[in-house]
Structures are given as C-alpha cells and as structure tokens.
C-alpha atoms as a PDB file:
ATOM      1  CA  MET A   1      83.036 120.358  85.167  1.00  0.00           C
ATOM      2  CA  ARG A   2      84.591 122.571  82.719  1.00  0.00           C
ATOM      3  CA  ASP A   3      88.407 122.799  82.711  1.00  0.00           C
ATOM      4  CA  GLY A   4      88.662 120.700  85.711  1.00  0.00           C
ATOM      5  CA  LYS A   5      86.626 122.629  87.889  1.00  0.00           C
ATOM      6  CA  ILE A   6      82.958 122.655  89.071  1.00  0.00           C
ATOM      7  CA  VAL A   7      80.877 124.807  88.085  1.00  0.00           C
ATOM      8  CA  ALA A   8      77.356 123.632  88.892  1.00  0.00           C
ATOM      9  CA  ILE A   9      76.126 121.040  91.479  1.00  0.00           C
ATOM     10  CA  GLY A  10      72.531 119.795  91.893  1.00  0.00           C
ATOM     11  CA  PRO A  11      70.075 117.185  90.580  1.00  0.00           C
ATOM     12  CA  ALA A  12      68.800 116.990  87.098  1.00  0.00           C
ATOM     13  CA  GLY A  13      65.831 115.116  85.342  1.00  0.00           C
ATOM     14  CA  VAL A  14      62.421 114.429  86.446  1.00  0.00           C
ATOM     15  CA  ARG A  15      60.889 112.364  89.068  1.00  0.00           C
ATOM     16  CA  ASP A  16      58.407 110.861  87.028  1.00  0.00           C
ATOM     17  CA  LEU A  17      58.299 110.392  83.250  1.00  0.00           C
ATOM     18  CA  GLN A  18      54.664 111.464  82.828  1.00  0.00           C
ATOM     19  CA  SER A  19      54.488 114.202  85.534  1.00  0.00           C
ATOM     20  CA  LYS A  20      57.769 115.609  84.047  1.00  0.00           C
ATOM     21  CA  GLU A  21      58.304 117.120  87.792  1.00  0.00           C
ATOM     22  CA  ALA A  22      61.722 118.270  87.946  1.00  0.00           C
ATOM     23  CA  VAL A  23      63.878 116.301  90.723  1.00  0.00           C
ATOM     24  CA  ALA A  24      64.950 118.393  93.935  1.00  0.00           C
ATOM     25  CA  PRO A  25      68.183 118.717  95.895  1.00  0.00           C
ATOM     26  CA  GLY A  26      66.283 116.950  98.510  1.00  0.00           C
ATOM     27  CA  ASP A  27      64.845 114.137  96.772  1.00  0.00           C
ATOM     28  CA  ARG A  28      66.034 110.380  97.429  1.00  0.00           C
ATOM     29  CA  SER A  29      66.875 107.953  94.636  1.00  0.00           C
ATOM     30  CA  MET A  30      67.558 104.238  94.511  1.00  0.00           C
ATOM     31  CA  ILE A  31      71.176 103.829  93.177  1.00  0.00           C
ATOM     32  CA  ALA A  32      70.231 100.340  92.141  1.00  0.00           C
ATOM     33  CA  SER A  33      73.078  98.359  90.737  1.00  0.00           C
ATOM     34  CA  CYS A  34      75.375 101.465  90.199  1.00  0.00           C
ATOM     35  CA  GLY A  35      78.044 100.407  92.536  1.00  0.00           C
ATOM     36  CA  LYS A  36      78.491  97.574  90.547  1.00  0.00           C
ATOM     37  CA  ALA A  37      79.998  99.283  87.767  1.00  0.00           C
ATOM     38  CA  ALA A  38      81.892 101.836  89.913  1.00  0.00           C
ATOM     39  CA  THR A  39      83.562  98.778  91.485  1.00  0.00           C
ATOM     40  CA  ARG A  40      84.238  97.364  88.218  1.00  0.00           C
ATOM     41  CA  LEU A  41      85.598 100.559  86.888  1.00  0.00           C
ATOM     42  CA  ARG A  42      87.775 101.109  90.053  1.00  0.00           C
ATOM     43  CA  PHE A  43      88.993  97.366  89.510  1.00  0.00           C
ATOM     44  CA  GLY A  44      89.830  98.280  86.012  1.00  0.00           C
ATOM     45  CA  ARG A  45      91.712 101.454  86.459  1.00  0.00           C
ATOM     46  CA  LEU A  46      93.864  99.355  89.138  1.00  0.00           C
ATOM     47  CA  VAL A  47      94.758  96.875  86.622  1.00  0.00           C
ATOM     48  CA  ASP A  48      95.847  99.414  83.993  1.00  0.00           C
ATOM     49  CA  LYS A  49      98.196 100.791  86.602  1.00  0.00           C
ATOM     50  CA  GLY A  50      99.449  97.438  87.469  1.00  0.00           C
ATOM     51  CA  LYS A  51      98.463  97.681  90.938  1.00  0.00           C
ATOM     52  CA  LEU A  52      95.792  94.166  90.239  1.00  0.00           C
ATOM     53  CA  ARG A  53      95.422  91.445  87.932  1.00  0.00           C
ATOM     54  CA  TRP A  54      92.196  90.462  86.518  1.00  0.00           C
ATOM     55  CA  ASP A  55      92.642  87.139  88.139  1.00  0.00           C
ATOM     56  CA  SER A  56      93.944  88.415  91.541  1.00  0.00           C
ATOM     57  CA  THR A  57      92.057  86.517  94.541  1.00  0.00           C
ATOM     58  CA  LEU A  58      90.579  87.966  97.691  1.00  0.00           C
ATOM     59  CA  ALA A  59      93.377  86.898  99.561  1.00  0.00           C
ATOM     60  CA  GLU A  60      95.794  89.177  97.197  1.00  0.00           C
ATOM     61  CA  LEU A  61      93.791  92.356  97.181  1.00  0.00           C
ATOM     62  CA  PRO A  62      93.951  93.865 100.614  1.00  0.00           C
ATOM     63  CA  PRO A  63      97.480  93.392 101.829  1.00  0.00           C
ATOM     64  CA  ASP A  64      96.953  94.709 105.173  1.00  0.00           C
ATOM     65  CA  VAL A  65      93.833  92.626 106.489  1.00  0.00           C
ATOM     66  CA  SER A  66      94.251  88.803 106.840  1.00  0.00           C
ATOM     67  CA  MET A  67      92.030  86.580 105.081  1.00  0.00           C
END
C-alpha cells in the first residue's frame, strides 16, 4: 500500500529457512493462531468506537441472533 492504494500484491518470504527457496503465489500456508489476533484487533476497534465493551457477553454481541 502506498498513499492508500495497492501498488503490489504477492507472497513474500521463503518456503524454508535453510533452502531459502522463495514462496510462490500458489503455495499454501498454515495461518496458525492468526485468527485470534485478528479477532482481538477487530473487537478492540469496536470497543474504541463504543459499539462494544470489553465485558460484553455473547448474548449482547449479535443483536439479530437469539442465544
């Protein structure tokens, strides 16, 4: 991203630290626990906007879904 615009898209890094073979666009990778960090970030942004509280219950979170 540069000035809010995408300037390049593609993988970066190596497949293996020893071989130094570059990753390719078709390579699959494990995202491990990245979803947890992304969820916390999103939740935190909603707290900052006043839409949620850190102590919100699950029943309060999706107002259109019955719990």
